[in-house]
Amino acid sequence: MKRIIATTAVTAIAVPTALLAAAPAQADGFDREKQGRCGGGVYELSVDREDGVYEISADLDRVAPGSSWRVVLKQDGKVIANVVRKADREGDLDVDRVRRDTRGTDTFAFTANRLNGAAKCGASVVA
């Protein structure tokens, strides 16, 4: 009788744990990032989702100080930012946007082109 009770107790503990492990990840509160080289520096595209809102950030770091860049951000192919920014003294610049979550999968993309130069980079993430 003791073996049956012990087996039942172990099974009762193991099943809920297995069910929890199989549960899908929560849709909100995630972070997606892509990083790479760009014009002698580096870029980072970051997309965070919290409470049905996306925070999109494209950063260029360690590019030529004072250099001008056109940065374009897109959500599902639609332009959400098209700006020209100048890198600060440290060679950094960033473009940030906040967007609502749309139905289905969202794809975010960015491109950065140095004005009066050949440097160019880009990346995309699926959220």
N, C-alpha and C. Protein backbone atom coordinates (compact mmCIF):
# COMPACT_ATOMS: atom_id res chain seq x y z
N MET A 1 0.82 -1.19 0.00
CA MET A 1 0.00 0.00 0.00
C MET A 1 0.86 1.25 0.00
N LYS A 2 1.98 1.23 0.70
CA LYS A 2 2.85 2.40 0.75
C LYS A 2 3.43 2.72 -0.62
N ARG A 3 3.76 1.72 -1.43
CA ARG A 3 4.31 1.95 -2.76
C ARG A 3 3.29 2.63 -3.67
N ILE A 4 2.07 2.26 -3.59
CA ILE A 4 1.02 2.85 -4.43
C ILE A 4 0.86 4.33 -4.09
N ILE A 5 0.86 4.68 -2.83
CA ILE A 5 0.72 6.07 -2.40
C ILE A 5 1.92 6.88 -2.86
N ALA A 6 3.12 6.35 -2.74
CA ALA A 6 4.32 7.06 -3.14
C ALA A 6 4.33 7.29 -4.65
N THR A 7 3.95 6.30 -5.44
CA THR A 7 3.89 6.43 -6.89
C THR A 7 2.86 7.48 -7.29
N THR A 8 1.72 7.47 -6.65
CA THR A 8 0.67 8.45 -6.94
C THR A 8 1.15 9.86 -6.62
N ALA A 9 1.85 10.04 -5.52
CA ALA A 9 2.34 11.37 -5.14
C ALA A 9 3.37 11.87 -6.13
N VAL A 10 4.27 11.01 -6.58
CA VAL A 10 5.29 11.41 -7.55
C VAL A 10 4.62 11.76 -8.87
N THR A 11 3.65 10.98 -9.31
CA THR A 11 2.94 11.26 -10.55
C THR A 11 2.18 12.58 -10.46
N ALA A 12 1.57 12.86 -9.35
CA ALA A 12 0.82 14.10 -9.17
C ALA A 12 1.73 15.31 -9.24
N ILE A 13 2.96 15.19 -8.80
CA ILE A 13 3.91 16.30 -8.85
C ILE A 13 4.49 16.43 -10.27
N ALA A 14 4.78 15.31 -10.91
CA ALA A 14 5.45 15.34 -12.23
C ALA A 14 4.54 15.86 -13.33
N VAL A 15 3.26 15.53 -13.32
CA VAL A 15 2.36 15.94 -14.40
C VAL A 15 2.21 17.46 -14.47
N PRO A 16 1.91 18.17 -13.38
CA PRO A 16 1.80 19.62 -13.51
C PRO A 16 3.10 20.27 -13.97
N THR A 17 4.24 19.73 -13.53
CA THR A 17 5.53 20.29 -13.96
C THR A 17 5.69 20.12 -15.46
N ALA A 18 5.32 18.97 -16.00
CA ALA A 18 5.43 18.73 -17.44
C ALA A 18 4.48 19.64 -18.19
N LEU A 19 3.31 19.87 -17.68
CA LEU A 19 2.36 20.77 -18.33
C LEU A 19 2.88 22.19 -18.36
N LEU A 20 3.52 22.63 -17.29
CA LEU A 20 4.09 23.97 -17.25
C LEU A 20 5.22 24.12 -18.26
N ALA A 21 6.03 23.11 -18.40
CA ALA A 21 7.14 23.17 -19.35
C ALA A 21 6.65 23.26 -20.78
N ALA A 22 5.48 22.66 -21.08
CA ALA A 22 4.95 22.66 -22.43
C ALA A 22 4.14 23.92 -22.75
N ALA A 23 3.85 24.73 -21.76
CA ALA A 23 3.05 25.93 -21.99
C ALA A 23 3.80 26.91 -22.88
N PRO A 24 3.08 27.62 -23.78
CA PRO A 24 3.76 28.56 -24.67
C PRO A 24 4.32 29.75 -23.89
N ALA A 25 5.38 30.35 -24.45
CA ALA A 25 5.97 31.53 -23.81
C ALA A 25 4.98 32.68 -23.86
N GLN A 26 5.05 33.54 -22.89
CA GLN A 26 4.15 34.69 -22.83
C GLN A 26 4.47 35.63 -23.99
N ALA A 27 3.43 36.16 -24.63
CA ALA A 27 3.60 36.99 -25.81
C ALA A 27 4.23 38.34 -25.48
N ASP A 28 3.91 38.92 -24.35
CA ASP A 28 4.48 40.22 -23.99
C ASP A 28 5.76 40.04 -23.20
N GLY A 29 6.53 41.13 -23.14
CA GLY A 29 7.73 41.14 -22.33
C GLY A 29 8.91 40.47 -22.99
N PHE A 30 8.96 40.48 -24.32
CA PHE A 30 10.12 39.87 -24.98
C PHE A 30 11.01 40.94 -25.58
N ASP A 31 12.21 40.53 -25.95
CA ASP A 31 13.20 41.45 -26.52
C ASP A 31 13.90 40.72 -27.66
N ARG A 32 13.95 41.34 -28.82
CA ARG A 32 14.68 40.78 -29.96
C ARG A 32 15.77 41.78 -30.35
N GLU A 33 16.96 41.28 -30.66
CA GLU A 33 18.08 42.16 -31.04
C GLU A 33 18.87 41.57 -32.18
N LYS A 34 19.40 42.46 -33.01
CA LYS A 34 20.36 42.08 -34.05
C LYS A 34 21.50 43.07 -33.95
N GLN A 35 22.72 42.58 -34.13
CA GLN A 35 23.91 43.43 -34.05
C GLN A 35 24.82 43.11 -35.22
N GLY A 36 25.62 44.11 -35.62
CA GLY A 36 26.56 43.88 -36.70
C GLY A 36 27.47 45.07 -36.90
N ARG A 37 28.31 45.01 -37.93
CA ARG A 37 29.27 46.07 -38.24
C ARG A 37 28.62 47.07 -39.19
N CYS A 38 29.02 48.34 -39.04
CA CYS A 38 28.47 49.38 -39.89
C CYS A 38 29.41 50.58 -39.96
N GLY A 39 29.96 50.87 -41.12
CA GLY A 39 30.77 52.06 -41.32
C GLY A 39 31.90 52.24 -40.32
N GLY A 40 32.61 51.20 -40.00
CA GLY A 40 33.70 51.28 -39.03
C GLY A 40 33.22 51.18 -37.59
N GLY A 41 31.93 51.17 -37.38
CA GLY A 41 31.36 51.03 -36.04
C GLY A 41 30.47 49.80 -35.98
N VAL A 42 29.48 49.86 -35.12
CA VAL A 42 28.54 48.76 -34.96
C VAL A 42 27.12 49.29 -34.90
N TYR A 43 26.16 48.43 -35.24
CA TYR A 43 24.75 48.78 -35.11
C TYR A 43 24.07 47.78 -34.19
N GLU A 44 22.94 48.21 -33.65
CA GLU A 44 22.07 47.31 -32.90
C GLU A 44 20.64 47.69 -33.19
N LEU A 45 19.86 46.72 -33.65
CA LEU A 45 18.41 46.89 -33.81
C LEU A 45 17.76 46.12 -32.68
N SER A 46 16.95 46.81 -31.89
CA SER A 46 16.32 46.20 -30.73
C SER A 46 14.82 46.44 -30.79
N VAL A 47 14.05 45.38 -30.56
CA VAL A 47 12.59 45.48 -30.52
C VAL A 47 12.12 44.84 -29.22
N ASP A 48 11.45 45.63 -28.40
CA ASP A 48 10.88 45.16 -27.13
C ASP A 48 9.37 45.27 -27.22
N ARG A 49 8.65 44.29 -26.68
CA ARG A 49 7.19 44.38 -26.63
C ARG A 49 6.74 44.26 -25.19
N GLU A 50 5.91 45.20 -24.79
CA GLU A 50 5.35 45.23 -23.44
C GLU A 50 3.93 45.78 -23.53
N ASP A 51 2.97 45.03 -23.00
CA ASP A 51 1.57 45.47 -22.96
C ASP A 51 1.04 45.84 -24.34
N GLY A 52 1.39 45.06 -25.37
CA GLY A 52 0.86 45.28 -26.71
C GLY A 52 1.48 46.46 -27.44
N VAL A 53 2.59 46.97 -26.94
CA VAL A 53 3.27 48.11 -27.57
C VAL A 53 4.72 47.72 -27.85
N TYR A 54 5.18 48.04 -29.05
CA TYR A 54 6.57 47.80 -29.43
C TYR A 54 7.41 49.05 -29.21
N GLU A 55 8.60 48.86 -28.69
CA GLU A 55 9.61 49.92 -28.63
C GLU A 55 10.73 49.48 -29.55
N ILE A 56 10.94 50.25 -30.61
CA ILE A 56 11.94 49.92 -31.62
C ILE A 56 13.08 50.91 -31.50
N SER A 57 14.32 50.40 -31.48
CA SER A 57 15.49 51.26 -31.35
C SER A 57 16.58 50.79 -32.32
N ALA A 58 17.07 51.73 -33.13
CA ALA A 58 18.21 51.46 -34.00
C ALA A 58 19.34 52.36 -33.53
N ASP A 59 20.46 51.76 -33.14
CA ASP A 59 21.60 52.49 -32.61
C ASP A 59 22.83 52.25 -33.47
N LEU A 60 23.57 53.31 -33.75
CA LEU A 60 24.88 53.22 -34.37
C LEU A 60 25.88 53.71 -33.34
N ASP A 61 26.92 52.94 -33.11
CA ASP A 61 27.94 53.29 -32.12
C ASP A 61 29.32 53.21 -32.76
N ARG A 62 30.18 54.14 -32.35
CA ARG A 62 31.58 54.19 -32.78
C ARG A 62 31.75 54.41 -34.28
N VAL A 63 30.79 55.15 -34.90
CA VAL A 63 30.98 55.58 -36.28
C VAL A 63 31.73 56.91 -36.23
N ALA A 64 32.08 57.49 -37.37
CA ALA A 64 32.84 58.74 -37.39
C ALA A 64 32.06 59.87 -36.70
N PRO A 65 32.64 60.49 -35.67
CA PRO A 65 31.97 61.61 -35.01
C PRO A 65 31.62 62.71 -36.03
N GLY A 66 30.39 63.22 -35.93
CA GLY A 66 29.94 64.27 -36.84
C GLY A 66 29.43 63.77 -38.18
N SER A 67 29.55 62.47 -38.45
CA SER A 67 29.07 61.95 -39.73
C SER A 67 27.54 61.95 -39.75
N SER A 68 26.96 62.18 -40.92
CA SER A 68 25.50 62.22 -41.07
C SER A 68 25.00 60.91 -41.67
N TRP A 69 23.89 60.42 -41.14
CA TRP A 69 23.33 59.14 -41.54
C TRP A 69 21.83 59.27 -41.77
N ARG A 70 21.33 58.63 -42.82
CA ARG A 70 19.88 58.48 -43.02
C ARG A 70 19.50 57.12 -42.45
N VAL A 71 18.58 57.15 -41.49
CA VAL A 71 18.12 55.92 -40.85
C VAL A 71 16.64 55.75 -41.17
N VAL A 72 16.30 54.57 -41.70
CA VAL A 72 14.91 54.25 -42.03
C VAL A 72 14.49 53.05 -41.21
N LEU A 73 13.36 53.17 -40.51
CA LEU A 73 12.77 52.06 -39.76
C LEU A 73 11.46 51.68 -40.44
N LYS A 74 11.20 50.38 -40.53
CA LYS A 74 9.96 49.89 -41.13
C LYS A 74 9.32 48.85 -40.23
N GLN A 75 7.99 48.84 -40.25
CA GLN A 75 7.21 47.80 -39.59
C GLN A 75 6.34 47.17 -40.67
N ASP A 76 6.54 45.89 -40.91
CA ASP A 76 5.81 45.15 -41.95
C ASP A 76 5.88 45.87 -43.31
N GLY A 77 7.06 46.42 -43.63
CA GLY A 77 7.28 47.07 -44.91
C GLY A 77 6.84 48.52 -44.99
N LYS A 78 6.15 49.01 -43.96
CA LYS A 78 5.67 50.39 -43.93
C LYS A 78 6.67 51.26 -43.17
N VAL A 79 7.07 52.38 -43.77
CA VAL A 79 8.05 53.28 -43.15
C VAL A 79 7.45 53.92 -41.90
N ILE A 80 8.16 53.77 -40.77
CA ILE A 80 7.71 54.40 -39.52
C ILE A 80 8.68 55.49 -39.07
N ALA A 81 9.84 55.55 -39.72
CA ALA A 81 10.81 56.63 -39.46
C ALA A 81 11.73 56.73 -40.66
N ASN A 82 12.01 57.96 -41.07
CA ASN A 82 12.95 58.23 -42.15
C ASN A 82 13.61 59.54 -41.77
N VAL A 83 14.75 59.46 -41.08
CA VAL A 83 15.37 60.64 -40.50
C VAL A 83 16.85 60.70 -40.85
N VAL A 84 17.39 61.91 -40.82
CA VAL A 84 18.83 62.11 -40.96
C VAL A 84 19.33 62.56 -39.59
N ARG A 85 20.34 61.85 -39.08
CA ARG A 85 20.92 62.16 -37.78
C ARG A 85 22.43 62.28 -37.93
N LYS A 86 23.00 63.11 -37.06
CA LYS A 86 24.44 63.30 -37.04
C LYS A 86 25.00 62.59 -35.81
N ALA A 87 26.08 61.84 -35.99
CA ALA A 87 26.71 61.15 -34.88
C ALA A 87 27.31 62.17 -33.91
N ASP A 88 27.18 61.91 -32.61
CA ASP A 88 27.71 62.82 -31.60
C ASP A 88 29.22 62.70 -31.50
N ARG A 89 29.82 63.36 -30.52
CA ARG A 89 31.28 63.36 -30.35
C ARG A 89 31.89 61.98 -30.17
N GLU A 90 31.10 61.09 -29.58
CA GLU A 90 31.58 59.71 -29.38
C GLU A 90 31.31 58.83 -30.59
N GLY A 91 30.63 59.39 -31.60
CA GLY A 91 30.31 58.60 -32.79
C GLY A 91 29.05 57.77 -32.62
N ASP A 92 28.13 58.20 -31.77
CA ASP A 92 26.91 57.45 -31.50
C ASP A 92 25.69 58.23 -32.00
N LEU A 93 24.67 57.49 -32.44
CA LEU A 93 23.37 58.09 -32.76
C LEU A 93 22.31 57.00 -32.62
N ASP A 94 21.08 57.42 -32.36
CA ASP A 94 20.01 56.45 -32.23
C ASP A 94 18.70 57.03 -32.74
N VAL A 95 17.83 56.12 -33.17
CA VAL A 95 16.48 56.46 -33.61
C VAL A 95 15.55 55.51 -32.88
N ASP A 96 14.55 56.07 -32.20
CA ASP A 96 13.61 55.27 -31.42
C ASP A 96 12.18 55.58 -31.86
N ARG A 97 11.34 54.55 -31.87
CA ARG A 97 9.93 54.71 -32.16
C ARG A 97 9.14 53.78 -31.27
N VAL A 98 7.88 54.14 -31.03
CA VAL A 98 6.93 53.31 -30.28
C VAL A 98 5.76 53.05 -31.22
N ARG A 99 5.38 51.78 -31.35
CA ARG A 99 4.29 51.39 -32.26
C ARG A 99 3.40 50.38 -31.58
N ARG A 100 2.14 50.37 -31.99
CA ARG A 100 1.20 49.36 -31.49
C ARG A 100 1.45 48.03 -32.17
N ASP A 101 1.14 46.98 -31.45
CA ASP A 101 1.21 45.64 -31.99
C ASP A 101 0.10 45.49 -33.04
N THR A 102 0.40 44.86 -34.16
CA THR A 102 -0.61 44.60 -35.18
C THR A 102 -0.96 43.13 -35.16
N ARG A 103 -1.99 42.75 -35.88
CA ARG A 103 -2.39 41.35 -35.91
C ARG A 103 -1.32 40.50 -36.57
N GLY A 104 -1.09 39.34 -36.03
CA GLY A 104 -0.14 38.41 -36.62
C GLY A 104 1.30 38.77 -36.31
N THR A 105 2.19 38.23 -37.11
CA THR A 105 3.62 38.43 -36.93
C THR A 105 4.02 39.81 -37.45
N ASP A 106 4.89 40.48 -36.72
CA ASP A 106 5.41 41.78 -37.13
C ASP A 106 6.88 41.63 -37.51
N THR A 107 7.27 42.27 -38.60
CA THR A 107 8.66 42.30 -39.02
C THR A 107 9.15 43.73 -38.97
N PHE A 108 10.24 43.96 -38.27
CA PHE A 108 10.83 45.29 -38.15
C PHE A 108 12.17 45.28 -38.87
N ALA A 109 12.42 46.33 -39.64
CA ALA A 109 13.67 46.43 -40.38
C ALA A 109 14.23 47.83 -40.25
N PHE A 110 15.55 47.93 -40.38
CA PHE A 110 16.18 49.24 -40.40
C PHE A 110 17.30 49.24 -41.42
N THR A 111 17.54 50.41 -42.00
CA THR A 111 18.71 50.62 -42.84
C THR A 111 19.35 51.92 -42.39
N ALA A 112 20.66 51.97 -42.48
CA ALA A 112 21.41 53.18 -42.18
C ALA A 112 22.39 53.40 -43.32
N ASN A 113 22.33 54.59 -43.92
CA ASN A 113 23.22 54.95 -45.02
C ASN A 113 23.95 56.23 -44.64
N ARG A 114 25.27 56.18 -44.70
CA ARG A 114 26.05 57.38 -44.41
C ARG A 114 25.95 58.33 -45.60
N LEU A 115 25.57 59.58 -45.31
CA LEU A 115 25.49 60.58 -46.36
C LEU A 115 26.91 60.97 -46.75
N ASN A 116 27.16 61.20 -48.00
CA ASN A 116 28.50 61.54 -48.50
C ASN A 116 29.52 60.46 -48.16
N GLY A 117 29.10 59.22 -48.19
CA GLY A 117 30.01 58.12 -47.90
C GLY A 117 29.43 56.82 -48.43
N ALA A 118 30.20 55.78 -48.37
CA ALA A 118 29.77 54.50 -48.92
C ALA A 118 29.23 53.55 -47.86
N ALA A 119 29.34 53.91 -46.60
CA ALA A 119 28.93 52.99 -45.52
C ALA A 119 27.42 52.81 -45.53
N LYS A 120 27.03 51.56 -45.32
CA LYS A 120 25.60 51.23 -45.34
C LYS A 120 25.41 49.92 -44.60
N CYS A 121 24.31 49.82 -43.86
CA CYS A 121 24.03 48.58 -43.14
C CYS A 121 22.53 48.45 -42.91
N GLY A 122 22.11 47.30 -42.45
CA GLY A 122 20.70 47.09 -42.15
C GLY A 122 20.48 45.72 -41.53
N ALA A 123 19.30 45.56 -40.98
CA ALA A 123 18.94 44.30 -40.34
C ALA A 123 17.43 44.26 -40.17
N SER A 124 16.92 43.08 -39.85
CA SER A 124 15.49 42.95 -39.56
C SER A 124 15.31 41.89 -38.47
N VAL A 125 14.20 42.01 -37.75
CA VAL A 125 13.82 41.02 -36.74
C VAL A 125 12.34 40.75 -36.88
N VAL A 126 11.96 39.54 -36.56
CA VAL A 126 10.55 39.14 -36.59
C VAL A 126 10.07 39.04 -35.15
N ALA A 127 8.94 39.65 -34.90
CA ALA A 127 8.38 39.65 -33.54
C ALA A 127 7.03 38.99 -33.53
